[in-house]
Amino acid sequence: MILREILDLSKSIANYRVDMHELAKNKGFSDPDVLKINQQLDFKIQNIKNIIKG
């Protein structure tokens, strides 16, 4: 169960990174949509850390 959750989060993070890179390339790093994706990435990364930490 925990492994599945981490794998799902990992896939989601990879997708968000691709989306953020494309948006940043087209709109710039300070665009609100890029910043929103960045916040979502931070949240998902923190979730993985919390799961691993126990």
N, C-alpha and C. Protein backbone atom coordinates (compact mmCIF):
# COMPACT_ATOMS: atom_id res chain seq x y z
N MET A 1 0.82 -1.20 0.00
CA MET A 1 0.00 0.00 0.00
C MET A 1 0.87 1.26 0.00
N ILE A 2 1.85 1.30 0.89
CA ILE A 2 2.72 2.48 0.97
C ILE A 2 3.53 2.61 -0.32
N LEU A 3 4.03 1.49 -0.82
CA LEU A 3 4.81 1.53 -2.05
C LEU A 3 3.97 2.05 -3.21
N ARG A 4 2.72 1.63 -3.31
CA ARG A 4 1.82 2.08 -4.37
C ARG A 4 1.61 3.60 -4.26
N GLU A 5 1.43 4.09 -3.04
CA GLU A 5 1.22 5.52 -2.84
C GLU A 5 2.46 6.32 -3.27
N ILE A 6 3.62 5.82 -2.91
CA ILE A 6 4.87 6.50 -3.30
C ILE A 6 5.05 6.46 -4.82
N LEU A 7 4.74 5.33 -5.43
CA LEU A 7 4.86 5.23 -6.89
C LEU A 7 3.89 6.19 -7.59
N ASP A 8 2.67 6.28 -7.09
CA ASP A 8 1.69 7.21 -7.67
C ASP A 8 2.15 8.65 -7.52
N LEU A 9 2.66 8.99 -6.34
CA LEU A 9 3.17 10.34 -6.11
C LEU A 9 4.36 10.63 -7.03
N SER A 10 5.22 9.65 -7.19
CA SER A 10 6.40 9.82 -8.04
C SER A 10 6.00 10.08 -9.50
N LYS A 11 5.03 9.34 -9.99
CA LYS A 11 4.54 9.56 -11.36
C LYS A 11 3.92 10.94 -11.49
N SER A 12 3.16 11.34 -10.49
CA SER A 12 2.53 12.65 -10.50
C SER A 12 3.58 13.76 -10.50
N ILE A 13 4.60 13.58 -9.69
CA ILE A 13 5.69 14.57 -9.63
C ILE A 13 6.37 14.69 -10.99
N ALA A 14 6.63 13.57 -11.63
CA ALA A 14 7.26 13.60 -12.95
C ALA A 14 6.40 14.35 -13.95
N ASN A 15 5.10 14.11 -13.91
CA ASN A 15 4.19 14.81 -14.83
C ASN A 15 4.15 16.31 -14.54
N TYR A 16 4.09 16.67 -13.27
CA TYR A 16 4.08 18.09 -12.90
C TYR A 16 5.37 18.77 -13.34
N ARG A 17 6.49 18.08 -13.23
CA ARG A 17 7.77 18.67 -13.64
C ARG A 17 7.78 18.97 -15.13
N VAL A 18 7.28 18.04 -15.91
CA VAL A 18 7.21 18.26 -17.36
C VAL A 18 6.31 19.45 -17.67
N ASP A 19 5.13 19.47 -17.04
CA ASP A 19 4.19 20.58 -17.26
C ASP A 19 4.80 21.92 -16.85
N MET A 20 5.47 21.92 -15.69
CA MET A 20 6.06 23.17 -15.21
C MET A 20 7.16 23.64 -16.15
N HIS A 21 7.97 22.71 -16.64
CA HIS A 21 9.05 23.08 -17.56
C HIS A 21 8.49 23.70 -18.83
N GLU A 22 7.45 23.08 -19.39
CA GLU A 22 6.85 23.61 -20.61
C GLU A 22 6.24 25.00 -20.38
N LEU A 23 5.50 25.14 -19.28
CA LEU A 23 4.90 26.45 -18.98
C LEU A 23 5.96 27.51 -18.75
N ALA A 24 7.00 27.15 -18.00
CA ALA A 24 8.06 28.12 -17.72
C ALA A 24 8.78 28.54 -19.00
N LYS A 25 8.94 27.59 -19.90
CA LYS A 25 9.60 27.90 -21.18
C LYS A 25 8.76 28.89 -21.98
N ASN A 26 7.44 28.73 -21.92
CA ASN A 26 6.55 29.57 -22.71
C ASN A 26 6.13 30.87 -22.01
N LYS A 27 5.97 30.82 -20.70
CA LYS A 27 5.43 31.98 -19.98
C LYS A 27 6.42 32.64 -19.02
N GLY A 28 7.50 31.96 -18.70
CA GLY A 28 8.46 32.51 -17.75
C GLY A 28 8.24 31.93 -16.36
N PHE A 29 9.28 31.98 -15.55
CA PHE A 29 9.24 31.35 -14.24
C PHE A 29 8.35 32.06 -13.23
N SER A 30 8.03 33.31 -13.45
CA SER A 30 7.22 34.05 -12.49
C SER A 30 5.73 34.04 -12.82
N ASP A 31 5.35 33.31 -13.85
CA ASP A 31 3.94 33.21 -14.22
C ASP A 31 3.16 32.51 -13.10
N PRO A 32 1.96 32.98 -12.78
CA PRO A 32 1.16 32.39 -11.69
C PRO A 32 0.89 30.89 -11.88
N ASP A 33 0.70 30.44 -13.11
CA ASP A 33 0.46 29.01 -13.35
C ASP A 33 1.71 28.18 -13.04
N VAL A 34 2.87 28.71 -13.37
CA VAL A 34 4.13 28.02 -13.07
C VAL A 34 4.33 27.95 -11.57
N LEU A 35 4.05 29.04 -10.89
CA LEU A 35 4.20 29.07 -9.43
C LEU A 35 3.23 28.11 -8.75
N LYS A 36 2.03 28.01 -9.30
CA LYS A 36 1.03 27.09 -8.73
C LYS A 36 1.50 25.64 -8.87
N ILE A 37 2.01 25.28 -10.03
CA ILE A 37 2.52 23.93 -10.23
C ILE A 37 3.70 23.67 -9.31
N ASN A 38 4.54 24.66 -9.13
CA ASN A 38 5.69 24.53 -8.25
C ASN A 38 5.23 24.24 -6.81
N GLN A 39 4.20 24.92 -6.37
CA GLN A 39 3.66 24.67 -5.02
C GLN A 39 3.09 23.26 -4.92
N GLN A 40 2.42 22.81 -5.96
CA GLN A 40 1.88 21.46 -5.95
C GLN A 40 3.00 20.42 -5.92
N LEU A 41 4.07 20.69 -6.65
CA LEU A 41 5.23 19.81 -6.62
C LEU A 41 5.82 19.74 -5.22
N ASP A 42 5.99 20.89 -4.59
CA ASP A 42 6.52 20.92 -3.23
C ASP A 42 5.66 20.10 -2.28
N PHE A 43 4.34 20.23 -2.42
CA PHE A 43 3.41 19.50 -1.57
C PHE A 43 3.56 17.98 -1.77
N LYS A 44 3.65 17.55 -3.02
CA LYS A 44 3.77 16.12 -3.31
C LYS A 44 5.12 15.57 -2.84
N ILE A 45 6.17 16.34 -3.01
CA ILE A 45 7.49 15.92 -2.53
C ILE A 45 7.48 15.80 -1.01
N GLN A 46 6.85 16.74 -0.34
CA GLN A 46 6.75 16.69 1.12
C GLN A 46 5.94 15.46 1.55
N ASN A 47 4.91 15.11 0.79
CA ASN A 47 4.12 13.91 1.10
C ASN A 47 4.99 12.65 1.04
N ILE A 48 5.83 12.55 0.04
CA ILE A 48 6.73 11.39 -0.05
C ILE A 48 7.67 11.37 1.14
N LYS A 49 8.22 12.51 1.49
CA LYS A 49 9.12 12.56 2.64
C LYS A 49 8.42 12.11 3.91
N ASN A 50 7.18 12.55 4.09
CA ASN A 50 6.42 12.17 5.28
C ASN A 50 6.13 10.67 5.31
N ILE A 51 5.82 10.09 4.16
CA ILE A 51 5.55 8.65 4.09
C ILE A 51 6.81 7.86 4.45
N ILE A 52 7.93 8.27 3.89
CA ILE A 52 9.19 7.57 4.15
C ILE A 52 9.59 7.70 5.62
N LYS A 53 9.38 8.88 6.14
CA LYS A 53 9.74 9.18 7.53
C LYS A 53 8.93 8.30 8.50
N GLY A 54 7.70 8.02 8.13
CA GLY A 54 6.86 7.16 8.95
C GLY A 54 6.04 7.95 9.84
